[in-house]
Amino acid sequence: VEKHIFENAPGAVIVLGIHLCGQLSVRAVELFNTNPKCSMLALKPCCLPQVWAGMPNTVWNFSNGQTLQLEQVGINGRFIKNIWRGPPRSTLVRKFACWGNGLYSGIACRCRDSVG
């Protein structure tokens, strides 16, 4: 992405992440944080990240110094043929709020001078 999009962009780049599942939302935040050509990030995360066997201690370290722990937001559940297999979805509201807040805190705010 960096080579084909950011390096070749003649101007500012907007990162638009719609319906990003799991860790793809973290990747979108980091794309925004680490590329100076990015002028805006619009993110609508989708699924909570999955907790896979042996990975519950995963911690995402954002480039702005913030961290987000998988144990706070991860789930053991998924849709299989449009049927939810996992904990009751009503119990996931707090995890999704934590996920959204964690992603938001990972976004590096940088002030830019406006031109003209």
PDB file of N, CA and C in Angstrom:
ATOM      1  N   VAL A   1       0.836  -1.189   0.000  1.00  0.00           N
ATOM      2  CA  VAL A   1       0.000   0.000   0.000  1.00  0.00           C
ATOM      3  C   VAL A   1       0.875   1.244   0.000  1.00  0.00           C
ATOM      4  N   GLU A   2       1.880   1.247   0.881  1.00  0.00           N
ATOM      5  CA  GLU A   2       2.727   2.430   0.961  1.00  0.00           C
ATOM      6  C   GLU A   2       3.372   2.733  -0.385  1.00  0.00           C
ATOM      7  N   LYS A   3       3.909   1.714  -1.029  1.00  0.00           N
ATOM      8  CA  LYS A   3       4.628   1.919  -2.283  1.00  0.00           C
ATOM      9  C   LYS A   3       3.689   2.319  -3.419  1.00  0.00           C
ATOM     10  N   HIS A   4       2.575   1.646  -3.538  1.00  0.00           N
ATOM     11  CA  HIS A   4       1.696   1.868  -4.681  1.00  0.00           C
ATOM     12  C   HIS A   4       0.733   3.038  -4.517  1.00  0.00           C
ATOM     13  N   ILE A   5       0.374   3.353  -3.315  1.00  0.00           N
ATOM     14  CA  ILE A   5      -0.602   4.427  -3.094  1.00  0.00           C
ATOM     15  C   ILE A   5       0.087   5.691  -2.585  1.00  0.00           C
ATOM     16  N   PHE A   6       0.705   5.585  -1.414  1.00  0.00           N
ATOM     17  CA  PHE A   6       1.221   6.781  -0.763  1.00  0.00           C
ATOM     18  C   PHE A   6       2.381   7.419  -1.528  1.00  0.00           C
ATOM     19  N   GLU A   7       3.315   6.622  -1.993  1.00  0.00           N
ATOM     20  CA  GLU A   7       4.461   7.187  -2.710  1.00  0.00           C
ATOM     21  C   GLU A   7       4.050   7.821  -4.034  1.00  0.00           C
ATOM     22  N   ASN A   8       3.031   7.278  -4.685  1.00  0.00           N
ATOM     23  CA  ASN A   8       2.623   7.780  -5.998  1.00  0.00           C
ATOM     24  C   ASN A   8       1.516   8.829  -5.952  1.00  0.00           C
ATOM     25  N   ALA A   9       0.967   9.082  -4.786  1.00  0.00           N
ATOM     26  CA  ALA A   9      -0.122  10.057  -4.679  1.00  0.00           C
ATOM     27  C   ALA A   9       0.415  11.466  -4.925  1.00  0.00           C
ATOM     28  N   PRO A  10      -0.234  12.211  -5.818  1.00  0.00           N
ATOM     29  CA  PRO A  10       0.246  13.568  -6.105  1.00  0.00           C
ATOM     30  C   PRO A  10      -0.079  14.567  -4.996  1.00  0.00           C
ATOM     31  N   GLY A  11      -0.971  14.183  -4.096  1.00  0.00           N
ATOM     32  CA  GLY A  11      -1.368  15.084  -3.014  1.00  0.00           C
ATOM     33  C   GLY A  11      -1.743  14.294  -1.778  1.00  0.00           C
ATOM     34  N   ALA A  12      -2.590  14.891  -0.984  1.00  0.00           N
ATOM     35  CA  ALA A  12      -3.026  14.266   0.263  1.00  0.00           C
ATOM     36  C   ALA A  12      -3.839  12.995  -0.011  1.00  0.00           C
ATOM     37  N   VAL A  13      -3.798  12.083   0.955  1.00  0.00           N
ATOM     38  CA  VAL A  13      -4.508  10.808   0.851  1.00  0.00           C
ATOM     39  C   VAL A  13      -5.482  10.697   2.020  1.00  0.00           C
ATOM     40  N   ILE A  14      -6.667  10.206   1.737  1.00  0.00           N
ATOM     41  CA  ILE A  14      -7.665   9.935   2.771  1.00  0.00           C
ATOM     42  C   ILE A  14      -7.739   8.422   2.949  1.00  0.00           C
ATOM     43  N   VAL A  15      -7.626   7.955   4.194  1.00  0.00           N
ATOM     44  CA  VAL A  15      -7.779   6.543   4.497  1.00  0.00           C
ATOM     45  C   VAL A  15      -9.238   6.325   4.894  1.00  0.00           C
ATOM     46  N   LEU A  16      -9.929   5.523   4.120  1.00  0.00           N
ATOM     47  CA  LEU A  16     -11.341   5.228   4.364  1.00  0.00           C
ATOM     48  C   LEU A  16     -11.471   3.749   4.666  1.00  0.00           C
ATOM     49  N   GLY A  17     -11.836   3.424   5.890  1.00  0.00           N
ATOM     50  CA  GLY A  17     -11.976   2.030   6.306  1.00  0.00           C
ATOM     51  C   GLY A  17     -13.408   1.756   6.713  1.00  0.00           C
ATOM     52  N   ILE A  18     -14.141   1.090   5.847  1.00  0.00           N
ATOM     53  CA  ILE A  18     -15.540   0.758   6.124  1.00  0.00           C
ATOM     54  C   ILE A  18     -15.657  -0.750   6.330  1.00  0.00           C
ATOM     55  N   HIS A  19     -16.310  -1.141   7.397  1.00  0.00           N
ATOM     56  CA  HIS A  19     -16.587  -2.548   7.686  1.00  0.00           C
ATOM     57  C   HIS A  19     -15.299  -3.359   7.799  1.00  0.00           C
ATOM     58  N   LEU A  20     -14.297  -2.772   8.471  1.00  0.00           N
ATOM     59  CA  LEU A  20     -13.034  -3.477   8.651  1.00  0.00           C
ATOM     60  C   LEU A  20     -13.149  -4.457   9.804  1.00  0.00           C
ATOM     61  N   CYS A  21     -12.897  -5.688   9.510  1.00  0.00           N
ATOM     62  CA  CYS A  21     -13.012  -6.742  10.516  1.00  0.00           C
ATOM     63  C   CYS A  21     -11.726  -6.861  11.331  1.00  0.00           C
ATOM     64  N   GLY A  22     -11.900  -7.053  12.625  1.00  0.00           N
ATOM     65  CA  GLY A  22     -10.793  -7.365  13.515  1.00  0.00           C
ATOM     66  C   GLY A  22      -9.590  -6.462  13.361  1.00  0.00           C
ATOM     67  N   GLN A  23      -8.437  -7.081  13.159  1.00  0.00           N
ATOM     68  CA  GLN A  23      -7.179  -6.357  13.145  1.00  0.00           C
ATOM     69  C   GLN A  23      -7.010  -5.409  11.959  1.00  0.00           C
ATOM     70  N   LEU A  24      -7.845  -5.496  10.949  1.00  0.00           N
ATOM     71  CA  LEU A  24      -7.740  -4.561   9.827  1.00  0.00           C
ATOM     72  C   LEU A  24      -7.974  -3.121  10.272  1.00  0.00           C
ATOM     73  N   SER A  25      -8.780  -2.926  11.313  1.00  0.00           N
ATOM     74  CA  SER A  25      -8.986  -1.576  11.836  1.00  0.00           C
ATOM     75  C   SER A  25      -7.700  -1.026  12.437  1.00  0.00           C
ATOM     76  N   VAL A  26      -6.950  -1.878  13.127  1.00  0.00           N
ATOM     77  CA  VAL A  26      -5.657  -1.468  13.687  1.00  0.00           C
ATOM     78  C   VAL A  26      -4.721  -1.084  12.545  1.00  0.00           C
ATOM     79  N   ARG A  27      -4.732  -1.857  11.478  1.00  0.00           N
ATOM     80  CA  ARG A  27      -3.872  -1.572  10.319  1.00  0.00           C
ATOM     81  C   ARG A  27      -4.231  -0.220   9.688  1.00  0.00           C
ATOM     82  N   ALA A  28      -5.510   0.087   9.584  1.00  0.00           N
ATOM     83  CA  ALA A  28      -5.932   1.372   9.011  1.00  0.00           C
ATOM     84  C   ALA A  28      -5.445   2.534   9.868  1.00  0.00           C
ATOM     85  N   VAL A  29      -5.544   2.403  11.188  1.00  0.00           N
ATOM     86  CA  VAL A  29      -5.057   3.455  12.087  1.00  0.00           C
ATOM     87  C   VAL A  29      -3.561   3.654  11.885  1.00  0.00           C
ATOM     88  N   GLU A  30      -2.817   2.569  11.791  1.00  0.00           N
ATOM     89  CA  GLU A  30      -1.373   2.684  11.621  1.00  0.00           C
ATOM     90  C   GLU A  30      -1.001   3.230  10.247  1.00  0.00           C
ATOM     91  N   LEU A  31      -1.761   2.896   9.216  1.00  0.00           N
ATOM     92  CA  LEU A  31      -1.520   3.498   7.902  1.00  0.00           C
ATOM     93  C   LEU A  31      -1.645   5.014   7.991  1.00  0.00           C
ATOM     94  N   PHE A  32      -2.685   5.460   8.681  1.00  0.00           N
ATOM     95  CA  PHE A  32      -2.891   6.899   8.867  1.00  0.00           C
ATOM     96  C   PHE A  32      -1.752   7.512   9.684  1.00  0.00           C
ATOM     97  N   ASN A  33      -1.411   6.863  10.793  1.00  0.00           N
ATOM     98  CA  ASN A  33      -0.403   7.410  11.704  1.00  0.00           C
ATOM     99  C   ASN A  33       0.977   7.536  11.072  1.00  0.00           C
ATOM    100  N   THR A  34       1.336   6.587  10.232  1.00  0.00           N
ATOM    101  CA  THR A  34       2.726   6.505   9.779  1.00  0.00           C
ATOM    102  C   THR A  34       2.972   7.098   8.397  1.00  0.00           C
ATOM    103  N   ASN A  35       1.951   7.625   7.765  1.00  0.00           N
ATOM    104  CA  ASN A  35       2.124   8.189   6.434  1.00  0.00           C
ATOM    105  C   ASN A  35       1.766   9.668   6.442  1.00  0.00           C
ATOM    106  N   PRO A  36       2.771  10.530   6.288  1.00  0.00           N
ATOM    107  CA  PRO A  36       2.522  11.966   6.357  1.00  0.00           C
ATOM    108  C   PRO A  36       1.587  12.498   5.272  1.00  0.00           C
ATOM    109  N   LYS A  37       1.409  11.750   4.181  1.00  0.00           N
ATOM    110  CA  LYS A  37       0.493  12.207   3.136  1.00  0.00           C
ATOM    111  C   LYS A  37      -0.970  12.040   3.531  1.00  0.00           C
ATOM    112  N   CYS A  38      -1.226  11.265   4.582  1.00  0.00           N
ATOM    113  CA  CYS A  38      -2.609  11.051   5.023  1.00  0.00           C
ATOM    114  C   CYS A  38      -3.128  12.310   5.708  1.00  0.00           C
ATOM    115  N   SER A  39      -4.225  12.819   5.186  1.00  0.00           N
ATOM    116  CA  SER A  39      -4.793  14.033   5.756  1.00  0.00           C
ATOM    117  C   SER A  39      -6.065  13.758   6.553  1.00  0.00           C
ATOM    118  N   MET A  40      -6.640  12.561   6.370  1.00  0.00           N
ATOM    119  CA  MET A  40      -7.893  12.249   7.055  1.00  0.00           C
ATOM    120  C   MET A  40      -8.050  10.741   7.189  1.00  0.00           C
ATOM    121  N   LEU A  41      -8.672  10.330   8.278  1.00  0.00           N
ATOM    122  CA  LEU A  41      -9.007   8.927   8.503  1.00  0.00           C
ATOM    123  C   LEU A  41     -10.487   8.847   8.824  1.00  0.00           C
ATOM    124  N   ALA A  42     -11.217   8.040   8.068  1.00  0.00           N
ATOM    125  CA  ALA A  42     -12.619   7.738   8.358  1.00  0.00           C
ATOM    126  C   ALA A  42     -12.686   6.241   8.585  1.00  0.00           C
ATOM    127  N   LEU A  43     -13.052   5.835   9.787  1.00  0.00           N
ATOM    128  CA  LEU A  43     -12.998   4.424  10.157  1.00  0.00           C
ATOM    129  C   LEU A  43     -14.326   3.983  10.756  1.00  0.00           C
ATOM    130  N   LYS A  44     -14.872   2.907  10.231  1.00  0.00           N
ATOM    131  CA  LYS A  44     -16.072   2.275  10.782  1.00  0.00           C
ATOM    132  C   LYS A  44     -15.727   0.808  11.007  1.00  0.00           C
ATOM    133  N   PRO A  45     -15.191   0.485  12.203  1.00  0.00           N
ATOM    134  CA  PRO A  45     -14.824  -0.908  12.444  1.00  0.00           C
ATOM    135  C   PRO A  45     -16.052  -1.807  12.449  1.00  0.00           C
ATOM    136  N   CYS A  46     -15.807  -3.049  12.200  1.00  0.00           N
ATOM    137  CA  CYS A  46     -16.887  -4.028  12.116  1.00  0.00           C
ATOM    138  C   CYS A  46     -16.770  -4.992  13.285  1.00  0.00           C
ATOM    139  N   CYS A  47     -16.218  -6.121  13.007  1.00  0.00           N
ATOM    140  CA  CYS A  47     -16.131  -7.210  13.977  1.00  0.00           C
ATOM    141  C   CYS A  47     -15.061  -6.958  15.024  1.00  0.00           C
ATOM    142  N   LEU A  48     -15.317  -7.461  16.197  1.00  0.00           N
ATOM    143  CA  LEU A  48     -14.282  -7.474  17.222  1.00  0.00           C
ATOM    144  C   LEU A  48     -13.219  -8.487  16.818  1.00  0.00           C
ATOM    145  N   PRO A  49     -11.971  -8.281  17.240  1.00  0.00           N
ATOM    146  CA  PRO A  49     -10.932  -9.247  16.894  1.00  0.00           C
ATOM    147  C   PRO A  49     -11.152 -10.584  17.591  1.00  0.00           C
ATOM    148  N   GLN A  50     -10.772 -11.622  16.923  1.00  0.00           N
ATOM    149  CA  GLN A  50     -10.904 -12.973  17.453  1.00  0.00           C
ATOM    150  C   GLN A  50      -9.750 -13.299  18.391  1.00  0.00           C
ATOM    151  N   VAL A  51     -10.046 -14.032  19.445  1.00  0.00           N
ATOM    152  CA  VAL A  51      -9.010 -14.557  20.329  1.00  0.00           C
ATOM    153  C   VAL A  51      -8.727 -15.975  19.855  1.00  0.00           C
ATOM    154  N   TRP A  52      -7.564 -16.150  19.276  1.00  0.00           N
ATOM    155  CA  TRP A  52      -7.160 -17.474  18.802  1.00  0.00           C
ATOM    156  C   TRP A  52      -6.352 -18.150  19.878  1.00  0.00           C
ATOM    157  N   ALA A  53      -6.329 -19.459  19.862  1.00  0.00           N
ATOM    158  CA  ALA A  53      -5.577 -20.233  20.853  1.00  0.00           C
ATOM    159  C   ALA A  53      -4.127 -19.757  20.901  1.00  0.00           C
ATOM    160  N   GLY A  54      -3.656 -19.476  22.086  1.00  0.00           N
ATOM    161  CA  GLY A  54      -2.271 -19.070  22.271  1.00  0.00           C
ATOM    162  C   GLY A  54      -2.001 -17.605  22.015  1.00  0.00           C
ATOM    163  N   MET A  55      -3.019 -16.809  21.700  1.00  0.00           N
ATOM    164  CA  MET A  55      -2.806 -15.397  21.404  1.00  0.00           C
ATOM    165  C   MET A  55      -3.516 -14.433  22.354  1.00  0.00           C
ATOM    166  N   PRO A  56      -4.009 -14.849  23.503  1.00  0.00           N
ATOM    167  CA  PRO A  56      -4.787 -13.912  24.328  1.00  0.00           C
ATOM    168  C   PRO A  56      -3.964 -12.754  24.877  1.00  0.00           C
ATOM    169  N   ASN A  57      -2.640 -12.859  24.859  1.00  0.00           N
ATOM    170  CA  ASN A  57      -1.800 -11.795  25.410  1.00  0.00           C
ATOM    171  C   ASN A  57      -1.361 -10.775  24.365  1.00  0.00           C
ATOM    172  N   THR A  58      -1.985 -10.788  23.213  1.00  0.00           N
ATOM    173  CA  THR A  58      -1.641  -9.845  22.155  1.00  0.00           C
ATOM    174  C   THR A  58      -1.909  -8.416  22.607  1.00  0.00           C
ATOM    175  N   VAL A  59      -0.956  -7.543  22.337  1.00  0.00           N
ATOM    176  CA  VAL A  59      -1.104  -6.114  22.626  1.00  0.00           C
ATOM    177  C   VAL A  59      -0.733  -5.358  21.359  1.00  0.00           C
ATOM    178  N   TRP A  60      -1.616  -4.463  20.926  1.00  0.00           N
ATOM    179  CA  TRP A  60      -1.303  -3.607  19.783  1.00  0.00           C
ATOM    180  C   TRP A  60      -0.671  -2.339  20.328  1.00  0.00           C
ATOM    181  N   ASN A  61       0.490  -2.015  19.816  1.00  0.00           N
ATOM    182  CA  ASN A  61       1.213  -0.807  20.205  1.00  0.00           C
ATOM    183  C   ASN A  61       1.121   0.185  19.061  1.00  0.00           C
ATOM    184  N   PHE A  62       0.337   1.217  19.248  1.00  0.00           N
ATOM    185  CA  PHE A  62       0.175   2.227  18.217  1.00  0.00           C
ATOM    186  C   PHE A  62       1.388   3.155  18.206  1.00  0.00           C
ATOM    187  N   SER A  63       1.636   3.740  17.059  1.00  0.00           N
ATOM    188  CA  SER A  63       2.809   4.596  16.907  1.00  0.00           C
ATOM    189  C   SER A  63       2.729   5.887  17.719  1.00  0.00           C
ATOM    190  N   ASN A  64       1.551   6.215  18.251  1.00  0.00           N
ATOM    191  CA  ASN A  64       1.437   7.406  19.101  1.00  0.00           C
ATOM    192  C   ASN A  64       1.653   7.071  20.584  1.00  0.00           C
ATOM    193  N   GLY A  65       2.053   5.823  20.860  1.00  0.00           N
ATOM    194  CA  GLY A  65       2.355   5.412  22.232  1.00  0.00           C
ATOM    195  C   GLY A  65       1.210   4.734  22.952  1.00  0.00           C
ATOM    196  N   GLN A  66       0.019   4.761  22.404  1.00  0.00           N
ATOM    197  CA  GLN A  66      -1.138   4.108  23.027  1.00  0.00           C
ATOM    198  C   GLN A  66      -1.080   2.598  22.773  1.00  0.00           C
ATOM    199  N   THR A  67      -1.696   1.846  23.656  1.00  0.00           N
ATOM    200  CA  THR A  67      -1.774   0.394  23.487  1.00  0.00           C
ATOM    201  C   THR A  67      -3.221  -0.064  23.640  1.00  0.00           C
ATOM    202  N   LEU A  68      -3.484  -1.221  23.089  1.00  0.00           N
ATOM    203  CA  LEU A  68      -4.801  -1.843  23.191  1.00  0.00           C
ATOM    204  C   LEU A  68      -4.571  -3.333  23.357  1.00  0.00           C
ATOM    205  N   GLN A  69      -5.161  -3.908  24.391  1.00  0.00           N
ATOM    206  CA  GLN A  69      -4.946  -5.318  24.686  1.00  0.00           C
ATOM    207  C   GLN A  69      -6.087  -6.170  24.149  1.00  0.00           C
ATOM    208  N   LEU A  70      -5.715  -7.244  23.479  1.00  0.00           N
ATOM    209  CA  LEU A  70      -6.705  -8.158  22.918  1.00  0.00           C
ATOM    210  C   LEU A  70      -7.629  -8.706  23.990  1.00  0.00           C
ATOM    211  N   GLU A  71      -7.116  -8.961  25.186  1.00  0.00           N
ATOM    212  CA  GLU A  71      -7.960  -9.530  26.237  1.00  0.00           C
ATOM    213  C   GLU A  71      -9.108  -8.601  26.620  1.00  0.00           C
ATOM    214  N   GLN A  72      -8.976  -7.292  26.350  1.00  0.00           N
ATOM    215  CA  GLN A  72     -10.041  -6.333  26.648  1.00  0.00           C
ATOM    216  C   GLN A  72     -11.130  -6.330  25.581  1.00  0.00           C
ATOM    217  N   VAL A  73     -10.780  -6.674  24.351  1.00  0.00           N
ATOM    218  CA  VAL A  73     -11.717  -6.498  23.243  1.00  0.00           C
ATOM    219  C   VAL A  73     -11.969  -7.760  22.427  1.00  0.00           C
ATOM    220  N   GLY A  74     -11.162  -8.786  22.631  1.00  0.00           N
ATOM    221  CA  GLY A  74     -11.277  -9.994  21.815  1.00  0.00           C
ATOM    222  C   GLY A  74     -12.450 -10.878  22.213  1.00  0.00           C
ATOM    223  N   ILE A  75     -12.908 -11.655  21.255  1.00  0.00           N
ATOM    224  CA  ILE A  75     -14.030 -12.559  21.501  1.00  0.00           C
ATOM    225  C   ILE A  75     -13.725 -13.948  20.959  1.00  0.00           C
ATOM    226  N   ASN A  76     -14.433 -14.906  21.482  1.00  0.00           N
ATOM    227  CA  ASN A  76     -14.419 -16.263  20.964  1.00  0.00           C
ATOM    228  C   ASN A  76     -15.794 -16.510  20.356  1.00  0.00           C
ATOM    229  N   GLY A  77     -15.976 -16.043  19.171  1.00  0.00           N
ATOM    230  CA  GLY A  77     -17.253 -16.200  18.496  1.00  0.00           C
ATOM    231  C   GLY A  77     -17.160 -15.669  17.084  1.00  0.00           C
ATOM    232  N   ARG A  78     -18.078 -16.130  16.243  1.00  0.00           N
ATOM    233  CA  ARG A  78     -18.132 -15.653  14.860  1.00  0.00           C
ATOM    234  C   ARG A  78     -19.426 -16.120  14.220  1.00  0.00           C
ATOM    235  N   PHE A  79     -19.723 -15.538  13.074  1.00  0.00           N
ATOM    236  CA  PHE A  79     -20.879 -15.963  12.301  1.00  0.00           C
ATOM    237  C   PHE A  79     -20.485 -17.147  11.427  1.00  0.00           C
ATOM    238  N   ILE A  80     -21.303 -18.164  11.446  1.00  0.00           N
ATOM    239  CA  ILE A  80     -21.125 -19.311  10.559  1.00  0.00           C
ATOM    240  C   ILE A  80     -22.440 -19.490   9.817  1.00  0.00           C
ATOM    241  N   LYS A  81     -22.396 -19.275   8.502  1.00  0.00           N
ATOM    242  CA  LYS A  81     -23.592 -19.345   7.664  1.00  0.00           C
ATOM    243  C   LYS A  81     -24.708 -18.471   8.221  1.00  0.00           C
ATOM    244  N   ASN A  82     -24.348 -17.234   8.555  1.00  0.00           N
ATOM    245  CA  ASN A  82     -25.277 -16.226   9.070  1.00  0.00           C
ATOM    246  C   ASN A  82     -25.880 -16.547  10.427  1.00  0.00           C
ATOM    247  N   ILE A  83     -25.292 -17.459  11.156  1.00  0.00           N
ATOM    248  CA  ILE A  83     -25.746 -17.780  12.514  1.00  0.00           C
ATOM    249  C   ILE A  83     -24.606 -17.478  13.476  1.00  0.00           C
ATOM    250  N   TRP A  84     -24.885 -16.663  14.502  1.00  0.00           N
ATOM    251  CA  TRP A  84     -23.872 -16.293  15.473  1.00  0.00           C
ATOM    252  C   TRP A  84     -23.547 -17.478  16.370  1.00  0.00           C
ATOM    253  N   ARG A  85     -22.269 -17.786  16.460  1.00  0.00           N
ATOM    254  CA  ARG A  85     -21.765 -18.851  17.336  1.00  0.00           C
ATOM    255  C   ARG A  85     -20.795 -18.207  18.317  1.00  0.00           C
ATOM    256  N   GLY A  86     -21.273 -17.945  19.507  1.00  0.00           N
ATOM    257  CA  GLY A  86     -20.436 -17.309  20.507  1.00  0.00           C
ATOM    258  C   GLY A  86     -21.285 -16.802  21.659  1.00  0.00           C
ATOM    259  N   PRO A  87     -20.688 -15.962  22.499  1.00  0.00           N
ATOM    260  CA  PRO A  87     -21.433 -15.431  23.640  1.00  0.00           C
ATOM    261  C   PRO A  87     -22.604 -14.581  23.148  1.00  0.00           C
ATOM    262  N   PRO A  88     -23.622 -14.413  23.986  1.00  0.00           N
ATOM    263  CA  PRO A  88     -24.754 -13.572  23.573  1.00  0.00           C
ATOM    264  C   PRO A  88     -24.252 -12.202  23.112  1.00  0.00           C
ATOM    265  N   ARG A  89     -24.736 -11.769  21.959  1.00  0.00           N
ATOM    266  CA  ARG A  89     -24.250 -10.516  21.374  1.00  0.00           C
ATOM    267  C   ARG A  89     -24.505  -9.325  22.288  1.00  0.00           C
ATOM    268  N   SER A  90     -25.545  -9.398  23.110  1.00  0.00           N
ATOM    269  CA  SER A  90     -25.834  -8.296  24.029  1.00  0.00           C
ATOM    270  C   SER A  90     -24.700  -8.105  25.043  1.00  0.00           C
ATOM    271  N   THR A  91     -23.916  -9.152  25.292  1.00  0.00           N
ATOM    272  CA  THR A  91     -22.814  -9.043  26.249  1.00  0.00           C
ATOM    273  C   THR A  91     -21.568  -8.416  25.623  1.00  0.00           C
ATOM    274  N   LEU A  92     -21.603  -8.173  24.324  1.00  0.00           N
ATOM    275  CA  LEU A  92     -20.425  -7.669  23.626  1.00  0.00           C
ATOM    276  C   LEU A  92     -20.426  -6.147  23.454  1.00  0.00           C
ATOM    277  N   VAL A  93     -21.488  -5.494  23.899  1.00  0.00           N
ATOM    278  CA  VAL A  93     -21.606  -4.045  23.731  1.00  0.00           C
ATOM    279  C   VAL A  93     -20.430  -3.329  24.399  1.00  0.00           C
ATOM    280  N   ARG A  94     -20.100  -3.719  25.616  1.00  0.00           N
ATOM    281  CA  ARG A  94     -18.995  -3.069  26.338  1.00  0.00           C
ATOM    282  C   ARG A  94     -17.667  -3.315  25.643  1.00  0.00           C
ATOM    283  N   LYS A  95     -17.470  -4.525  25.117  1.00  0.00           N
ATOM    284  CA  LYS A  95     -16.224  -4.820  24.402  1.00  0.00           C
ATOM    285  C   LYS A  95     -16.119  -3.970  23.138  1.00  0.00           C
ATOM    286  N   PHE A  96     -17.240  -3.811  22.423  1.00  0.00           N
ATOM    287  CA  PHE A  96     -17.193  -3.011  21.207  1.00  0.00           C
ATOM    288  C   PHE A  96     -16.908  -1.547  21.529  1.00  0.00           C
ATOM    289  N   ALA A  97     -17.468  -1.050  22.625  1.00  0.00           N
ATOM    290  CA  ALA A  97     -17.175   0.330  23.044  1.00  0.00           C
ATOM    291  C   ALA A  97     -15.696   0.477  23.379  1.00  0.00           C
ATOM    292  N   CYS A  98     -15.138  -0.502  24.067  1.00  0.00           N
ATOM    293  CA  CYS A  98     -13.715  -0.487  24.397  1.00  0.00           C
ATOM    294  C   CYS A  98     -12.872  -0.552  23.123  1.00  0.00           C
ATOM    295  N   TRP A  99     -13.292  -1.363  22.158  1.00  0.00           N
ATOM    296  CA  TRP A  99     -12.614  -1.489  20.862  1.00  0.00           C
ATOM    297  C   TRP A  99     -12.597  -0.134  20.146  1.00  0.00           C
ATOM    298  N   GLY A 100     -13.747   0.499  20.052  1.00  0.00           N
ATOM    299  CA  GLY A 100     -13.831   1.794  19.387  1.00  0.00           C
ATOM    300  C   GLY A 100     -12.998   2.855  20.092  1.00  0.00           C
ATOM    301  N   ASN A 101     -13.082   2.896  21.415  1.00  0.00           N
ATOM    302  CA  ASN A 101     -12.302   3.864  22.186  1.00  0.00           C
ATOM    303  C   ASN A 101     -10.803   3.604  22.060  1.00  0.00           C
ATOM    304  N   GLY A 102     -10.426   2.331  22.046  1.00  0.00           N
ATOM    305  CA  GLY A 102      -9.013   1.978  21.911  1.00  0.00           C
ATOM    306  C   GLY A 102      -8.464   2.371  20.554  1.00  0.00           C
ATOM    307  N   LEU A 103      -9.248   2.120  19.496  1.00  0.00           N
ATOM    308  CA  LEU A 103      -8.820   2.530  18.156  1.00  0.00           C
ATOM    309  C   LEU A 103      -8.702   4.052  18.075  1.00  0.00           C
ATOM    310  N   TYR A 104      -9.683   4.738  18.636  1.00  0.00           N
ATOM    311  CA  TYR A 104      -9.670   6.207  18.624  1.00  0.00           C
ATOM    312  C   TYR A 104      -8.434   6.748  19.340  1.00  0.00           C
ATOM    313  N   SER A 105      -8.104   6.161  20.496  1.00  0.00           N
ATOM    314  CA  SER A 105      -6.942   6.656  21.246  1.00  0.00           C
ATOM    315  C   SER A 105      -5.638   6.358  20.508  1.00  0.00           C
ATOM    316  N   GLY A 106      -5.658   5.374  19.608  1.00  0.00           N
ATOM    317  CA  GLY A 106      -4.458   5.051  18.844  1.00  0.00           C
ATOM    318  C   GLY A 106      -4.199   5.963  17.671  1.00  0.00           C
ATOM    319  N   ILE A 107      -5.153   6.831  17.352  1.00  0.00           N
ATOM    320  CA  ILE A 107      -4.994   7.740  16.217  1.00  0.00           C
ATOM    321  C   ILE A 107      -4.101   8.906  16.627  1.00  0.00           C
ATOM    322  N   ALA A 108      -3.051   9.108  15.847  1.00  0.00           N
ATOM    323  CA  ALA A 108      -2.132  10.216  16.114  1.00  0.00           C
ATOM    324  C   ALA A 108      -2.724  11.492  15.531  1.00  0.00           C
ATOM    325  N   CYS A 109      -3.004  12.458  16.397  1.00  0.00           N
ATOM    326  CA  CYS A 109      -3.514  13.741  15.924  1.00  0.00           C
ATOM    327  C   CYS A 109      -2.321  14.604  15.578  1.00  0.00           C
ATOM    328  N   ARG A 110      -2.364  15.129  14.386  1.00  0.00           N
ATOM    329  CA  ARG A 110      -1.273  16.020  13.993  1.00  0.00           C
ATOM    330  C   ARG A 110      -1.895  17.274  13.385  1.00  0.00           C
ATOM    331  N   CYS A 111      -1.415  18.380  13.843  1.00  0.00           N
ATOM    332  CA  CYS A 111      -1.915  19.656  13.323  1.00  0.00           C
ATOM    333  C   CYS A 111      -1.218  19.966  12.012  1.00  0.00           C
ATOM    334  N   ARG A 112      -1.987  20.453  11.079  1.00  0.00           N
ATOM    335  CA  ARG A 112      -1.431  20.835   9.787  1.00  0.00           C
ATOM    336  C   ARG A 112      -1.781  22.294   9.556  1.00  0.00           C
ATOM    337  N   ASP A 113      -0.831  22.990   8.995  1.00  0.00           N
ATOM    338  CA  ASP A 113      -1.101  24.376   8.625  1.00  0.00           C
ATOM    339  C   ASP A 113      -1.980  24.368   7.379  1.00  0.00           C
ATOM    340  N   SER A 114      -3.010  25.186   7.379  1.00  0.00           N
ATOM    341  CA  SER A 114      -3.843  25.271   6.185  1.00  0.00           C
ATOM    342  C   SER A 114      -3.160  26.186   5.183  1.00  0.00           C
ATOM    343  N   VAL A 115      -3.307  25.827   3.946  1.00  0.00           N
ATOM    344  CA  VAL A 115      -2.670  26.594   2.866  1.00  0.00           C
ATOM    345  C   VAL A 115      -3.721  27.403   2.154  1.00  0.00           C
ATOM    346  N   GLY A 116      -3.426  28.668   1.946  1.00  0.00           N
ATOM    347  CA  GLY A 116      -4.220  29.552   1.129  1.00  0.00           C
ATOM    348  C   GLY A 116      -5.580  29.770   1.584  1.00  0.00           C
TER     349      GLY A 116
END
